[in-house]
Full PDB file with SEQRES, HELIX, SHEET, SSBOND, CRYST1, ORIGX, SCALE, CONECT and MASTER records, all heavy atoms in Angstrom:
SEQRES   1 A   43  GLY GLU THR ALA GLU SER ILE TRP THR PRO ILE ALA ASP          
SEQRES   2 A   43  VAL ALA ARG LEU ARG ARG SER ALA LEU VAL ASP ILE GLY          
SEQRES   3 A   43  LEU ALA LEU ALA ARG PRO LEU PRO ALA THR GLY HIS VAL          
SEQRES   4 A   43  ALA PRO VAL PRO                                              
HELIX    1 AA1 ILE A   11  ARG A   16  5                                   6    
HELIX    2 AA2 ALA A   21  ALA A   30  1                                  10    
CRYST1    1.000    1.000    1.000  90.00  90.00  90.00 P 1           1          
ORIGX1      1.000000  0.000000  0.000000        0.00000                         
ORIGX2      0.000000  1.000000  0.000000        0.00000                         
ORIGX3      0.000000  0.000000  1.000000        0.00000                         
SCALE1      1.000000  0.000000  0.000000        0.00000                         
SCALE2      0.000000  1.000000  0.000000        0.00000                         
SCALE3      0.000000  0.000000  1.000000        0.00000                         
ATOM      1  N   GLY A   1       0.328-200.360 188.010  1.00  0.00           N  
ATOM      2  CA  GLY A   1       1.031-199.102 187.845  1.00  0.00           C  
ATOM      3  C   GLY A   1       2.526-199.258 187.975  1.00  0.00           C  
ATOM      4  O   GLY A   1       3.059-200.364 188.003  1.00  0.00           O  
ATOM      5  N   GLU A   2       3.206-198.143 188.069  1.00  0.00           N  
ATOM      6  CA  GLU A   2       4.670-198.135 188.127  1.00  0.00           C  
ATOM      7  C   GLU A   2       5.211-197.951 189.543  1.00  0.00           C  
ATOM      8  O   GLU A   2       6.415-197.829 189.723  1.00  0.00           O  
ATOM      9  CB  GLU A   2       5.208-197.034 187.214  1.00  0.00           C  
ATOM     10  CG  GLU A   2       4.912-197.285 185.742  1.00  0.00           C  
ATOM     11  CD  GLU A   2       5.490-196.222 184.821  1.00  0.00           C  
ATOM     12  OE1 GLU A   2       5.854-195.127 185.289  1.00  0.00           O  
ATOM     13  OE2 GLU A   2       5.587-196.497 183.617  1.00  0.00           O  
ATOM     14  N   THR A   3       4.338-197.934 190.555  1.00  0.00           N  
ATOM     15  CA  THR A   3       4.789-197.821 191.938  1.00  0.00           C  
ATOM     16  C   THR A   3       4.791-199.204 192.562  1.00  0.00           C  
ATOM     17  O   THR A   3       3.733-199.791 192.805  1.00  0.00           O  
ATOM     18  CB  THR A   3       3.888-196.862 192.744  1.00  0.00           C  
ATOM     19  OG1 THR A   3       3.901-195.583 192.114  1.00  0.00           O  
ATOM     20  CG2 THR A   3       4.390-196.712 194.167  1.00  0.00           C  
ATOM     21  N   ALA A   4       5.992-199.723 192.816  1.00  0.00           N  
ATOM     22  CA  ALA A   4       6.141-201.087 193.318  1.00  0.00           C  
ATOM     23  C   ALA A   4       5.892-201.196 194.821  1.00  0.00           C  
ATOM     24  O   ALA A   4       5.437-202.233 195.304  1.00  0.00           O  
ATOM     25  CB  ALA A   4       7.528-201.622 192.988  1.00  0.00           C  
ATOM     26  N   GLU A   5       6.202-200.133 195.554  1.00  0.00           N  
ATOM     27  CA  GLU A   5       5.998-200.135 196.998  1.00  0.00           C  
ATOM     28  C   GLU A   5       6.099-198.706 197.511  1.00  0.00           C  
ATOM     29  O   GLU A   5       6.648-197.829 196.838  1.00  0.00           O  
ATOM     30  CB  GLU A   5       7.023-201.009 197.719  1.00  0.00           C  
ATOM     31  CG  GLU A   5       8.446-200.469 197.644  1.00  0.00           C  
ATOM     32  CD  GLU A   5       9.459-201.322 198.390  1.00  0.00           C  
ATOM     33  OE1 GLU A   5       9.179-201.734 199.530  1.00  0.00           O  
ATOM     34  OE2 GLU A   5      10.531-201.566 197.815  1.00  0.00           O  
ATOM     35  N   SER A   6       5.568-198.491 198.692  1.00  0.00           N  
ATOM     36  CA  SER A   6       5.685-197.205 199.362  1.00  0.00           C  
ATOM     37  C   SER A   6       6.114-197.466 200.791  1.00  0.00           C  
ATOM     38  O   SER A   6       5.666-198.439 201.401  1.00  0.00           O  
ATOM     39  CB  SER A   6       4.345-196.462 199.350  1.00  0.00           C  
ATOM     40  OG  SER A   6       3.944-196.210 198.028  1.00  0.00           O  
ATOM     41  N   ILE A   7       6.979-196.598 201.309  1.00  0.00           N  
ATOM     42  CA  ILE A   7       7.472-196.774 202.677  1.00  0.00           C  
ATOM     43  C   ILE A   7       7.662-195.418 203.349  1.00  0.00           C  
ATOM     44  O   ILE A   7       7.891-194.407 202.687  1.00  0.00           O  
ATOM     45  CB  ILE A   7       8.813-197.536 202.732  1.00  0.00           C  
ATOM     46  CG1 ILE A   7       9.906-196.785 201.963  1.00  0.00           C  
ATOM     47  CG2 ILE A   7       8.669-198.969 202.228  1.00  0.00           C  
ATOM     48  CD1 ILE A   7      11.303-197.342 202.167  1.00  0.00           C  
ATOM     49  N   TRP A   8       7.541-195.436 204.672  1.00  0.00           N  
ATOM     50  CA  TRP A   8       7.891-194.270 205.477  1.00  0.00           C  
ATOM     51  C   TRP A   8       9.390-194.359 205.738  1.00  0.00           C  
ATOM     52  O   TRP A   8       9.865-195.344 206.291  1.00  0.00           O  
ATOM     53  CB  TRP A   8       7.116-194.263 206.790  1.00  0.00           C  
ATOM     54  CG  TRP A   8       5.672-193.927 206.610  1.00  0.00           C  
ATOM     55  CD1 TRP A   8       4.636-194.797 206.506  1.00  0.00           C  
ATOM     56  CD2 TRP A   8       5.121-192.620 206.499  1.00  0.00           C  
ATOM     57  NE1 TRP A   8       3.465-194.105 206.335  1.00  0.00           N  
ATOM     58  CE2 TRP A   8       3.722-192.764 206.335  1.00  0.00           C  
ATOM     59  CE3 TRP A   8       5.665-191.332 206.521  1.00  0.00           C  
ATOM     60  CZ2 TRP A   8       2.870-191.683 206.196  1.00  0.00           C  
ATOM     61  CZ3 TRP A   8       4.811-190.252 206.389  1.00  0.00           C  
ATOM     62  CH2 TRP A   8       3.430-190.422 206.224  1.00  0.00           C  
ATOM     63  N   THR A   9      10.136-193.361 205.304  1.00  0.00           N  
ATOM     64  CA  THR A   9      11.595-193.358 205.387  1.00  0.00           C  
ATOM     65  C   THR A   9      12.069-192.234 206.305  1.00  0.00           C  
ATOM     66  O   THR A   9      11.625-191.092 206.134  1.00  0.00           O  
ATOM     67  CB  THR A   9      12.194-193.127 203.980  1.00  0.00           C  
ATOM     68  OG1 THR A   9      11.683-194.128 203.108  1.00  0.00           O  
ATOM     69  CG2 THR A   9      13.702-193.182 204.000  1.00  0.00           C  
ATOM     70  N   PRO A  10      12.964-192.532 207.254  1.00  0.00           N  
ATOM     71  CA  PRO A  10      13.512-191.436 208.058  1.00  0.00           C  
ATOM     72  C   PRO A  10      14.152-190.386 207.140  1.00  0.00           C  
ATOM     73  O   PRO A  10      14.892-190.742 206.211  1.00  0.00           O  
ATOM     74  CB  PRO A  10      14.563-192.117 208.941  1.00  0.00           C  
ATOM     75  CG  PRO A  10      14.116-193.555 209.008  1.00  0.00           C  
ATOM     76  CD  PRO A  10      13.497-193.833 207.661  1.00  0.00           C  
ATOM     77  N   ILE A  11      13.851-189.138 207.380  1.00  0.00           N  
ATOM     78  CA  ILE A  11      14.377-188.065 206.532  1.00  0.00           C  
ATOM     79  C   ILE A  11      15.903-188.109 206.500  1.00  0.00           C  
ATOM     80  O   ILE A  11      16.508-187.865 205.453  1.00  0.00           O  
ATOM     81  CB  ILE A  11      13.837-186.694 206.981  1.00  0.00           C  
ATOM     82  CG1 ILE A  11      12.317-186.643 206.715  1.00  0.00           C  
ATOM     83  CG2 ILE A  11      14.553-185.557 206.267  1.00  0.00           C  
ATOM     84  CD1 ILE A  11      11.615-185.428 207.275  1.00  0.00           C  
ATOM     85  N   ALA A  12      16.518-188.484 207.602  1.00  0.00           N  
ATOM     86  CA  ALA A  12      17.985-188.562 207.657  1.00  0.00           C  
ATOM     87  C   ALA A  12      18.544-189.611 206.703  1.00  0.00           C  
ATOM     88  O   ALA A  12      19.704-189.534 206.293  1.00  0.00           O  
ATOM     89  CB  ALA A  12      18.436-188.862 209.083  1.00  0.00           C  
ATOM     90  N   ASP A  13      17.749-190.605 206.301  1.00  0.00           N  
ATOM     91  CA  ASP A  13      18.211-191.671 205.415  1.00  0.00           C  
ATOM     92  C   ASP A  13      18.004-191.364 203.933  1.00  0.00           C  
ATOM     93  O   ASP A  13      18.513-192.082 203.065  1.00  0.00           O  
ATOM     94  CB  ASP A  13      17.493-192.990 205.735  1.00  0.00           C  
ATOM     95  CG  ASP A  13      17.850-193.535 207.108  1.00  0.00           C  
ATOM     96  OD1 ASP A  13      18.824-193.035 207.719  1.00  0.00           O  
ATOM     97  OD2 ASP A  13      17.137-194.451 207.566  1.00  0.00           O  
ATOM     98  N   VAL A  14      17.262-190.322 203.615  1.00  0.00           N  
ATOM     99  CA  VAL A  14      16.915-190.008 202.230  1.00  0.00           C  
ATOM    100  C   VAL A  14      18.151-189.765 201.371  1.00  0.00           C  
ATOM    101  O   VAL A  14      18.216-190.203 200.224  1.00  0.00           O  
ATOM    102  CB  VAL A  14      15.939-188.812 202.166  1.00  0.00           C  
ATOM    103  CG1 VAL A  14      15.778-188.291 200.745  1.00  0.00           C  
ATOM    104  CG2 VAL A  14      14.587-189.210 202.746  1.00  0.00           C  
ATOM    105  N   ALA A  15      19.159-189.098 201.916  1.00  0.00           N  
ATOM    106  CA  ALA A  15      20.355-188.752 201.129  1.00  0.00           C  
ATOM    107  C   ALA A  15      21.078-189.979 200.583  1.00  0.00           C  
ATOM    108  O   ALA A  15      21.782-189.883 199.580  1.00  0.00           O  
ATOM    109  CB  ALA A  15      21.314-187.916 201.980  1.00  0.00           C  
ATOM    110  N   ARG A  16      20.898-191.141 201.201  1.00  0.00           N  
ATOM    111  CA  ARG A  16      21.574-192.361 200.749  1.00  0.00           C  
ATOM    112  C   ARG A  16      20.793-193.113 199.669  1.00  0.00           C  
ATOM    113  O   ARG A  16      21.281-194.100 199.132  1.00  0.00           O  
ATOM    114  CB  ARG A  16      21.818-193.285 201.941  1.00  0.00           C  
ATOM    115  CG  ARG A  16      22.825-192.728 202.937  1.00  0.00           C  
ATOM    116  CD  ARG A  16      23.219-193.766 203.964  1.00  0.00           C  
ATOM    117  NE  ARG A  16      22.138-194.131 204.869  1.00  0.00           N  
ATOM    118  CZ  ARG A  16      21.899-193.552 206.041  1.00  0.00           C  
ATOM    119  NH1 ARG A  16      22.665-192.575 206.451  1.00  0.00           N  
ATOM    120  NH2 ARG A  16      20.901-193.957 206.792  1.00  0.00           N  
ATOM    121  N   LEU A  17      19.596-192.671 199.374  1.00  0.00           N  
ATOM    122  CA  LEU A  17      18.742-193.386 198.418  1.00  0.00           C  
ATOM    123  C   LEU A  17      18.961-192.907 196.990  1.00  0.00           C  
ATOM    124  O   LEU A  17      19.258-191.738 196.748  1.00  0.00           O  
ATOM    125  CB  LEU A  17      17.268-193.168 198.772  1.00  0.00           C  
ATOM    126  CG  LEU A  17      16.795-193.661 200.130  1.00  0.00           C  
ATOM    127  CD1 LEU A  17      15.346-193.251 200.336  1.00  0.00           C  
ATOM    128  CD2 LEU A  17      16.962-195.168 200.246  1.00  0.00           C  
ATOM    129  N   ARG A  18      18.749-193.813 196.046  1.00  0.00           N  
ATOM    130  CA  ARG A  18      18.675-193.435 194.630  1.00  0.00           C  
ATOM    131  C   ARG A  18      17.280-192.843 194.469  1.00  0.00           C  
ATOM    132  O   ARG A  18      16.276-193.543 194.618  1.00  0.00           O  
ATOM    133  CB  ARG A  18      18.851-194.659 193.743  1.00  0.00           C  
ATOM    134  CG  ARG A  18      18.768-194.341 192.271  1.00  0.00           C  
ATOM    135  CD  ARG A  18      19.010-195.600 191.439  1.00  0.00           C  
ATOM    136  NE  ARG A  18      18.815-195.318 190.059  1.00  0.00           N  
ATOM    137  CZ  ARG A  18      19.732-194.773 189.249  1.00  0.00           C  
ATOM    138  NH1 ARG A  18      20.925-194.479 189.729  1.00  0.00           N  
ATOM    139  NH2 ARG A  18      19.471-194.532 187.983  1.00  0.00           N  
ATOM    140  N   ARG A  19      17.208-191.545 194.203  1.00  0.00           N  
ATOM    141  CA  ARG A  19      15.931-190.863 194.254  1.00  0.00           C  
ATOM    142  C   ARG A  19      15.784-189.835 193.147  1.00  0.00           C  
ATOM    143  O   ARG A  19      16.763-189.369 192.576  1.00  0.00           O  
ATOM    144  CB  ARG A  19      15.762-190.176 195.602  1.00  0.00           C  
ATOM    145  CG  ARG A  19      16.774-189.053 195.824  1.00  0.00           C  
ATOM    146  CD  ARG A  19      16.900-188.651 197.284  1.00  0.00           C  
ATOM    147  NE  ARG A  19      17.828-187.553 197.458  1.00  0.00           N  
ATOM    148  CZ  ARG A  19      19.149-187.671 197.469  1.00  0.00           C  
ATOM    149  NH1 ARG A  19      19.705-188.852 197.287  1.00  0.00           N  
ATOM    150  NH2 ARG A  19      19.916-186.623 197.640  1.00  0.00           N  
ATOM    151  N   SER A  20      14.547-189.485 192.915  1.00  0.00           N  
ATOM    152  CA  SER A  20      14.215-188.417 191.981  1.00  0.00           C  
ATOM    153  C   SER A  20      14.552-187.078 192.629  1.00  0.00           C  
ATOM    154  O   SER A  20      14.481-186.934 193.857  1.00  0.00           O  
ATOM    155  CB  SER A  20      12.721-188.482 191.673  1.00  0.00           C  
ATOM    156  OG  SER A  20      12.277-187.308 191.055  1.00  0.00           O  
ATOM    157  N   ALA A  21      14.880-186.092 191.821  1.00  0.00           N  
ATOM    158  CA  ALA A  21      15.103-184.741 192.323  1.00  0.00           C  
ATOM    159  C   ALA A  21      13.856-184.204 193.016  1.00  0.00           C  
ATOM    160  O   ALA A  21      13.939-183.323 193.870  1.00  0.00           O  
ATOM    161  CB  ALA A  21      15.513-183.813 191.179  1.00  0.00           C  
ATOM    162  N   LEU A  22      12.693-184.755 192.684  1.00  0.00           N  
ATOM    163  CA  LEU A  22      11.444-184.311 193.302  1.00  0.00           C  
ATOM    164  C   LEU A  22      11.471-184.468 194.820  1.00  0.00           C  
ATOM    165  O   LEU A  22      10.879-183.660 195.538  1.00  0.00           O  
ATOM    166  CB  LEU A  22      10.265-185.115 192.745  1.00  0.00           C  
ATOM    167  CG  LEU A  22       9.991-184.969 191.257  1.00  0.00           C  
ATOM    168  CD1 LEU A  22       8.944-185.968 190.818  1.00  0.00           C  
ATOM    169  CD2 LEU A  22       9.585-183.558 190.937  1.00  0.00           C  
ATOM    170  N   VAL A  23      12.135-185.501 195.314  1.00  0.00           N  
ATOM    171  CA  VAL A  23      12.211-185.728 196.757  1.00  0.00           C  
ATOM    172  C   VAL A  23      12.935-184.561 197.422  1.00  0.00           C  
ATOM    173  O   VAL A  23      12.455-184.000 198.413  1.00  0.00           O  
ATOM    174  CB  VAL A  23      12.909-187.066 197.080  1.00  0.00           C  
ATOM    175  CG1 VAL A  23      13.088-187.243 198.582  1.00  0.00           C  
ATOM    176  CG2 VAL A  23      12.133-188.233 196.477  1.00  0.00           C  
ATOM    177  N   ASP A  24      14.083-184.176 196.877  1.00  0.00           N  
ATOM    178  CA  ASP A  24      14.854-183.080 197.455  1.00  0.00           C  
ATOM    179  C   ASP A  24      14.102-181.750 197.355  1.00  0.00           C  
ATOM    180  O   ASP A  24      14.131-180.939 198.282  1.00  0.00           O  
ATOM    181  CB  ASP A  24      16.218-182.969 196.775  1.00  0.00           C  
ATOM    182  CG  ASP A  24      17.068-184.199 197.029  1.00  0.00           C  
ATOM    183  OD1 ASP A  24      16.882-184.870 198.053  1.00  0.00           O  
ATOM    184  OD2 ASP A  24      17.923-184.495 196.188  1.00  0.00           O  
ATOM    185  N   ILE A  25      13.434-181.534 196.243  1.00  0.00           N  
ATOM    186  CA  ILE A  25      12.664-180.300 196.069  1.00  0.00           C  
ATOM    187  C   ILE A  25      11.534-180.242 197.091  1.00  0.00           C  
ATOM    188  O   ILE A  25      11.342-179.236 197.781  1.00  0.00           O  
ATOM    189  CB  ILE A  25      12.123-180.196 194.625  1.00  0.00           C  
ATOM    190  CG1 ILE A  25      13.283-180.047 193.641  1.00  0.00           C  
ATOM    191  CG2 ILE A  25      11.135-179.032 194.496  1.00  0.00           C  
ATOM    192  CD1 ILE A  25      12.900-180.315 192.194  1.00  0.00           C  
ATOM    193  N   GLY A  26      10.783-181.335 197.208  1.00  0.00           N  
ATOM    194  CA  GLY A  26       9.673-181.367 198.161  1.00  0.00           C  
ATOM    195  C   GLY A  26      10.124-181.178 199.596  1.00  0.00           C  
ATOM    196  O   GLY A  26       9.504-180.426 200.360  1.00  0.00           O  
ATOM    197  N   LEU A  27      11.218-181.833 199.987  1.00  0.00           N  
ATOM    198  CA  LEU A  27      11.718-181.673 201.357  1.00  0.00           C  
ATOM    199  C   LEU A  27      12.234-180.258 201.603  1.00  0.00           C  
ATOM    200  O   LEU A  27      12.047-179.703 202.678  1.00  0.00           O  
ATOM    201  CB  LEU A  27      12.805-182.712 201.655  1.00  0.00           C  
ATOM    202  CG  LEU A  27      12.295-184.147 201.807  1.00  0.00           C  
ATOM    203  CD1 LEU A  27      13.457-185.111 201.967  1.00  0.00           C  
ATOM    204  CD2 LEU A  27      11.325-184.263 202.982  1.00  0.00           C  
ATOM    205  N   ALA A  28      12.880-179.660 200.603  1.00  0.00           N  
ATOM    206  CA  ALA A  28      13.344-178.277 200.745  1.00  0.00           C  
ATOM    207  C   ALA A  28      12.162-177.327 200.913  1.00  0.00           C  
ATOM    208  O   ALA A  28      12.202-176.411 201.747  1.00  0.00           O  
ATOM    209  CB  ALA A  28      14.192-177.872 199.539  1.00  0.00           C  
ATOM    210  N   LEU A  29      11.104-177.538 200.154  1.00  0.00           N  
ATOM    211  CA  LEU A  29       9.932-176.676 200.257  1.00  0.00           C  
ATOM    212  C   LEU A  29       9.198-176.865 201.579  1.00  0.00           C  
ATOM    213  O   LEU A  29       8.535-175.945 202.060  1.00  0.00           O  
ATOM    214  CB  LEU A  29       8.976-176.942 199.088  1.00  0.00           C  
ATOM    215  CG  LEU A  29       9.448-176.466 197.723  1.00  0.00           C  
ATOM    216  CD1 LEU A  29       8.541-177.024 196.624  1.00  0.00           C  
ATOM    217  CD2 LEU A  29       9.503-174.953 197.663  1.00  0.00           C  
ATOM    218  N   ALA A  30       9.313-178.039 202.175  1.00  0.00           N  
ATOM    219  CA  ALA A  30       8.620-178.331 203.431  1.00  0.00           C  
ATOM    220  C   ALA A  30       9.341-177.770 204.656  1.00  0.00           C  
ATOM    221  O   ALA A  30       8.746-177.688 205.734  1.00  0.00           O  
ATOM    222  CB  ALA A  30       8.438-179.842 203.586  1.00  0.00           C  
ATOM    223  N   ARG A  31      10.607-177.388 204.498  1.00  0.00           N  
ATOM    224  CA  ARG A  31      11.345-176.819 205.631  1.00  0.00           C  
ATOM    225  C   ARG A  31      10.737-175.483 206.042  1.00  0.00           C  
ATOM    226  O   ARG A  31      10.242-174.749 205.185  1.00  0.00           O  
ATOM    227  CB  ARG A  31      12.811-176.587 205.264  1.00  0.00           C  
ATOM    228  CG  ARG A  31      13.633-177.842 205.377  1.00  0.00           C  
ATOM    229  CD  ARG A  31      15.064-177.515 205.106  1.00  0.00           C  
ATOM    230  NE  ARG A  31      15.155-177.599 203.649  1.00  0.00           N  
ATOM    231  CZ  ARG A  31      16.246-177.661 202.941  1.00  0.00           C  
ATOM    232  NH1 ARG A  31      17.392-177.559 203.496  1.00  0.00           N  
ATOM    233  NH2 ARG A  31      16.231-177.773 201.647  1.00  0.00           N  
ATOM    234  N   PRO A  32      10.831-175.156 207.323  1.00  0.00           N  
ATOM    235  CA  PRO A  32      10.359-173.832 207.737  1.00  0.00           C  
ATOM    236  C   PRO A  32      11.131-172.749 206.981  1.00  0.00           C  
ATOM    237  O   PRO A  32      12.340-172.858 206.766  1.00  0.00           O  
ATOM    238  CB  PRO A  32      10.687-173.775 209.228  1.00  0.00           C  
ATOM    239  CG  PRO A  32      10.813-175.209 209.645  1.00  0.00           C  
ATOM    240  CD  PRO A  32      11.323-175.947 208.439  1.00  0.00           C  
ATOM    241  N   LEU A  33      10.415-171.734 206.549  1.00  0.00           N  
ATOM    242  CA  LEU A  33      11.044-170.652 205.798  1.00  0.00           C  
ATOM    243  C   LEU A  33      11.837-169.742 206.719  1.00  0.00           C  
ATOM    244  O   LEU A  33      11.417-169.454 207.832  1.00  0.00           O  
ATOM    245  CB  LEU A  33       9.985-169.815 205.076  1.00  0.00           C  
ATOM    246  CG  LEU A  33       9.229-170.501 203.958  1.00  0.00           C  
ATOM    247  CD1 LEU A  33       8.156-169.563 203.412  1.00  0.00           C  
ATOM    248  CD2 LEU A  33      10.171-170.891 202.837  1.00  0.00           C  
ATOM    249  N   PRO A  34      12.972-169.248 206.233  1.00  0.00           N  
ATOM    250  CA  PRO A  34      13.700-168.248 207.003  1.00  0.00           C  
ATOM    251  C   PRO A  34      12.906-166.938 207.019  1.00  0.00           C  
ATOM    252  O   PRO A  34      11.918-166.788 206.281  1.00  0.00           O  
ATOM    253  CB  PRO A  34      15.014-168.088 206.228  1.00  0.00           C  
ATOM    254  CG  PRO A  34      14.726-168.605 204.864  1.00  0.00           C  
ATOM    255  CD  PRO A  34      13.617-169.613 205.001  1.00  0.00           C  
ATOM    256  N   ALA A  35      13.323-166.006 207.811  1.00  0.00           N  
ATOM    257  CA  ALA A  35      12.602-164.737 207.962  1.00  0.00           C  
ATOM    258  C   ALA A  35      12.379-164.028 206.630  1.00  0.00           C  
ATOM    259  O   ALA A  35      11.385-163.325 206.450  1.00  0.00           O  
ATOM    260  CB  ALA A  35      13.348-163.825 208.926  1.00  0.00           C  
ATOM    261  N   THR A  36      13.271-164.217 205.668  1.00  0.00           N  
ATOM    262  CA  THR A  36      13.125-163.547 204.373  1.00  0.00           C  
ATOM    263  C   THR A  36      12.084-164.217 203.489  1.00  0.00           C  
ATOM    264  O   THR A  36      11.649-163.643 202.497  1.00  0.00           O  
ATOM    265  CB  THR A  36      14.455-163.558 203.603  1.00  0.00           C  
ATOM    266  OG1 THR A  36      14.806-164.919 203.311  1.00  0.00           O  
ATOM    267  CG2 THR A  36      15.562-162.882 204.374  1.00  0.00           C  
ATOM    268  N   GLY A  37      11.704-165.465 203.815  1.00  0.00           N  
ATOM    269  CA  GLY A  37      10.774-166.205 202.971  1.00  0.00           C  
ATOM    270  C   GLY A  37      11.443-166.831 201.765  1.00  0.00           C  
ATOM    271  O   GLY A  37      10.805-167.453 200.940  1.00  0.00           O  
ATOM    272  N   HIS A  38      12.753-166.692 201.631  1.00  0.00           N  
ATOM    273  CA  HIS A  38      13.492-167.200 200.475  1.00  0.00           C  
ATOM    274  C   HIS A  38      14.077-168.568 200.773  1.00  0.00           C  
ATOM    275  O   HIS A  38      14.692-168.773 201.814  1.00  0.00           O  
ATOM    276  CB  HIS A  38      14.617-166.224 200.117  1.00  0.00           C  
ATOM    277  CG  HIS A  38      15.429-166.694 198.943  1.00  0.00           C  
ATOM    278  ND1 HIS A  38      16.608-167.367 199.103  1.00  0.00           N  
ATOM    279  CD2 HIS A  38      15.215-166.604 197.617  1.00  0.00           C  
ATOM    280  CE1 HIS A  38      17.102-167.671 197.914  1.00  0.00           C  
ATOM    281  NE2 HIS A  38      16.271-167.210 196.995  1.00  0.00           N  
ATOM    282  N   VAL A  39      13.860-169.498 199.872  1.00  0.00           N  
ATOM    283  CA  VAL A  39      14.458-170.827 199.982  1.00  0.00           C  
ATOM    284  C   VAL A  39      15.524-170.919 198.903  1.00  0.00           C  
ATOM    285  O   VAL A  39      15.268-170.634 197.733  1.00  0.00           O  
ATOM    286  CB  VAL A  39      13.404-171.935 199.781  1.00  0.00           C  
ATOM    287  CG1 VAL A  39      14.054-173.305 199.795  1.00  0.00           C  
ATOM    288  CG2 VAL A  39      12.332-171.848 200.853  1.00  0.00           C  
ATOM    289  N   ALA A  40      16.730-171.309 199.292  1.00  0.00           N  
ATOM    290  CA  ALA A  40      17.825-171.435 198.328  1.00  0.00           C  
ATOM    291  C   ALA A  40      17.480-172.484 197.274  1.00  0.00           C  
ATOM    292  O   ALA A  40      16.785-173.458 197.556  1.00  0.00           O  
ATOM    293  CB  ALA A  40      19.109-171.816 199.052  1.00  0.00           C  
ATOM    294  N   PRO A  41      17.948-172.301 196.027  1.00  0.00           N  
ATOM    295  CA  PRO A  41      17.687-173.290 194.970  1.00  0.00           C  
ATOM    296  C   PRO A  41      18.206-174.670 195.362  1.00  0.00           C  
ATOM    297  O   PRO A  41      19.209-174.798 196.056  1.00  0.00           O  
ATOM    298  CB  PRO A  41      18.453-172.747 193.771  1.00  0.00           C  
ATOM    299  CG  PRO A  41      18.653-171.297 194.055  1.00  0.00           C  
ATOM    300  CD  PRO A  41      18.733-171.175 195.561  1.00  0.00           C  
ATOM    301  N   VAL A  42      17.519-175.705 194.894  1.00  0.00           N  
ATOM    302  CA  VAL A  42      17.910-177.086 195.160  1.00  0.00           C  
ATOM    303  C   VAL A  42      18.752-177.576 193.996  1.00  0.00           C  
ATOM    304  O   VAL A  42      18.303-177.567 192.848  1.00  0.00           O  
ATOM    305  CB  VAL A  42      16.657-177.979 195.319  1.00  0.00           C  
ATOM    306  CG1 VAL A  42      17.066-179.416 195.488  1.00  0.00           C  
ATOM    307  CG2 VAL A  42      15.811-177.499 196.484  1.00  0.00           C  
ATOM    308  N   PRO A  43      20.005-177.977 194.242  1.00  0.00           N  
ATOM    309  CA  PRO A  43      20.820-178.495 193.140  1.00  0.00           C  
ATOM    310  C   PRO A  43      20.264-179.823 192.652  1.00  0.00           C  
ATOM    311  O   PRO A  43      19.796-180.622 193.440  1.00  0.00           O  
ATOM    312  CB  PRO A  43      22.198-178.666 193.776  1.00  0.00           C  
ATOM    313  CG  PRO A  43      21.941-178.809 195.229  1.00  0.00           C  
ATOM    314  CD  PRO A  43      20.688-178.032 195.522  1.00  0.00           C  
TER     315      PRO A  43                                                      
MASTER        0    0    0    2    0    0    0    6  314    1    0    4          
END                                                                             
């Protein structure tokens, strides 16, 4: 397949990685929701 390796990465280190937008979207969706239930769009 096209997955060469998988690793557990500290969330704090993710911003320094060359990554798919999917990572940022998934992490944004996983954050606890504010009282309004609205999550700001992910750039």
